[in-house]
Amino acid sequence: MAFVLVPEPHSLRPDTAAYWFLMQIGMVIGFATAWPANAWLIRRGTKEAM
């Protein structure tokens, strides 16, 4: 994603707003993909609910 959206090397540094914006997008995508898998594992009995 960084190569497509920000092709200039070293332009995504932690002191830029774009860095934190893309970090938040990544966190939302990670949460959205982990939720169904965790719910399925809990229903199946493979994983304990936290």
N, C-alpha and C. Protein backbone atom coordinates (compact mmCIF):
# COMPACT_ATOMS: atom_id res chain seq x y z
N MET A 1 0.82 -1.18 0.00
CA MET A 1 0.00 0.00 0.00
C MET A 1 0.87 1.25 0.00
N ALA A 2 1.96 1.22 0.73
CA ALA A 2 2.84 2.38 0.79
C ALA A 2 3.49 2.64 -0.57
N PHE A 3 3.82 1.58 -1.30
CA PHE A 3 4.44 1.76 -2.61
C PHE A 3 3.46 2.35 -3.63
N VAL A 4 2.18 2.06 -3.47
CA VAL A 4 1.18 2.56 -4.41
C VAL A 4 0.75 3.98 -4.06
N LEU A 5 0.43 4.22 -2.79
CA LEU A 5 -0.07 5.52 -2.38
C LEU A 5 1.02 6.57 -2.20
N VAL A 6 2.18 6.14 -1.73
CA VAL A 6 3.28 7.07 -1.47
C VAL A 6 4.54 6.52 -2.12
N PRO A 7 4.70 6.74 -3.44
CA PRO A 7 5.83 6.13 -4.13
C PRO A 7 7.18 6.75 -3.79
N GLU A 8 7.19 7.96 -3.25
CA GLU A 8 8.46 8.60 -2.90
C GLU A 8 9.06 7.91 -1.68
N PRO A 9 10.30 7.46 -1.77
CA PRO A 9 10.89 6.73 -0.65
C PRO A 9 11.10 7.63 0.57
N HIS A 10 10.91 7.07 1.73
CA HIS A 10 11.13 7.73 3.02
C HIS A 10 10.23 8.93 3.25
N SER A 11 9.08 9.00 2.60
CA SER A 11 8.18 10.12 2.84
C SER A 11 7.18 9.81 3.95
N LEU A 12 7.04 8.55 4.31
CA LEU A 12 6.14 8.19 5.42
C LEU A 12 6.96 8.07 6.69
N ARG A 13 7.07 9.17 7.41
CA ARG A 13 7.78 9.17 8.68
C ARG A 13 6.75 9.34 9.79
N PRO A 14 7.06 8.89 11.01
CA PRO A 14 6.09 9.00 12.10
C PRO A 14 5.70 10.42 12.47
N ASP A 15 6.39 11.41 11.97
CA ASP A 15 6.01 12.79 12.29
C ASP A 15 5.11 13.42 11.23
N THR A 16 4.55 12.60 10.33
CA THR A 16 3.66 13.12 9.29
C THR A 16 2.23 12.63 9.54
N ALA A 17 1.29 13.44 9.11
CA ALA A 17 -0.12 13.07 9.27
C ALA A 17 -0.48 11.88 8.39
N ALA A 18 0.12 11.77 7.22
CA ALA A 18 -0.18 10.65 6.32
C ALA A 18 0.20 9.32 6.95
N TYR A 19 1.30 9.29 7.68
CA TYR A 19 1.74 8.08 8.37
C TYR A 19 0.66 7.61 9.35
N TRP A 20 0.17 8.52 10.17
CA TRP A 20 -0.81 8.15 11.19
C TRP A 20 -2.17 7.85 10.57
N PHE A 21 -2.51 8.51 9.49
CA PHE A 21 -3.76 8.21 8.79
C PHE A 21 -3.72 6.79 8.23
N LEU A 22 -2.63 6.43 7.57
CA LEU A 22 -2.52 5.08 7.02
C LEU A 22 -2.42 4.04 8.13
N MET A 23 -1.84 4.41 9.27
CA MET A 23 -1.78 3.50 10.41
C MET A 23 -3.20 3.20 10.91
N GLN A 24 -4.04 4.21 10.97
CA GLN A 24 -5.41 4.00 11.42
C GLN A 24 -6.20 3.14 10.43
N ILE A 25 -5.98 3.34 9.15
CA ILE A 25 -6.64 2.51 8.14
C ILE A 25 -6.19 1.06 8.31
N GLY A 26 -4.92 0.84 8.54
CA GLY A 26 -4.41 -0.51 8.76
C GLY A 26 -4.99 -1.16 10.00
N MET A 27 -5.17 -0.38 11.06
CA MET A 27 -5.75 -0.92 12.29
C MET A 27 -7.21 -1.31 12.08
N VAL A 28 -7.96 -0.51 11.35
CA VAL A 28 -9.37 -0.83 11.08
C VAL A 28 -9.48 -2.08 10.22
N ILE A 29 -8.64 -2.18 9.19
CA ILE A 29 -8.65 -3.36 8.33
C ILE A 29 -8.26 -4.61 9.12
N GLY A 30 -7.25 -4.49 9.98
CA GLY A 30 -6.84 -5.62 10.81
C GLY A 30 -7.93 -6.07 11.76
N PHE A 31 -8.62 -5.11 12.37
CA PHE A 31 -9.72 -5.44 13.27
C PHE A 31 -10.85 -6.13 12.51
N ALA A 32 -11.18 -5.58 11.35
CA ALA A 32 -12.29 -6.13 10.56
C ALA A 32 -12.00 -7.55 10.08
N THR A 33 -10.75 -7.86 9.80
CA THR A 33 -10.43 -9.21 9.34
C THR A 33 -10.23 -10.19 10.50
N ALA A 34 -9.82 -9.70 11.66
CA ALA A 34 -9.60 -10.59 12.80
C ALA A 34 -10.89 -10.95 13.52
N TRP A 35 -11.86 -10.06 13.53
CA TRP A 35 -13.11 -10.29 14.27
C TRP A 35 -13.83 -11.57 13.85
N PRO A 36 -14.10 -11.79 12.55
CA PRO A 36 -14.82 -13.02 12.18
C PRO A 36 -14.04 -14.29 12.51
N ALA A 37 -12.73 -14.26 12.33
CA ALA A 37 -11.93 -15.45 12.62
C ALA A 37 -11.96 -15.75 14.12
N ASN A 38 -11.83 -14.75 14.95
CA ASN A 38 -11.88 -14.97 16.40
C ASN A 38 -13.25 -15.45 16.84
N ALA A 39 -14.30 -14.86 16.30
CA ALA A 39 -15.65 -15.29 16.66
C ALA A 39 -15.87 -16.75 16.27
N TRP A 40 -15.40 -17.14 15.11
CA TRP A 40 -15.55 -18.52 14.65
C TRP A 40 -14.77 -19.48 15.55
N LEU A 41 -13.55 -19.11 15.93
CA LEU A 41 -12.75 -19.97 16.80
C LEU A 41 -13.38 -20.11 18.19
N ILE A 42 -13.98 -19.05 18.69
CA ILE A 42 -14.64 -19.12 19.99
C ILE A 42 -15.87 -20.02 19.92
N ARG A 43 -16.68 -19.86 18.88
CA ARG A 43 -17.87 -20.72 18.70
C ARG A 43 -17.48 -22.18 18.56
N ARG A 44 -16.39 -22.43 17.88
CA ARG A 44 -15.93 -23.80 17.64
C ARG A 44 -15.34 -24.43 18.89
N GLY A 45 -14.93 -23.60 19.85
CA GLY A 45 -14.34 -24.11 21.09
C GLY A 45 -12.84 -24.24 21.05
N THR A 46 -12.22 -23.76 19.98
CA THR A 46 -10.77 -23.83 19.85
C THR A 46 -10.09 -22.77 20.69
N LYS A 47 -10.77 -21.65 20.88
CA LYS A 47 -10.19 -20.51 21.58
C LYS A 47 -11.13 -20.10 22.71
N GLU A 48 -10.52 -19.63 23.82
CA GLU A 48 -11.32 -19.13 24.93
C GLU A 48 -11.68 -17.67 24.70
N ALA A 49 -12.85 -17.29 25.16
CA ALA A 49 -13.23 -15.89 25.10
C ALA A 49 -12.42 -15.12 26.13
N MET A 50 -12.02 -13.93 25.75
CA MET A 50 -11.19 -13.14 26.67
C MET A 50 -12.05 -12.25 27.53
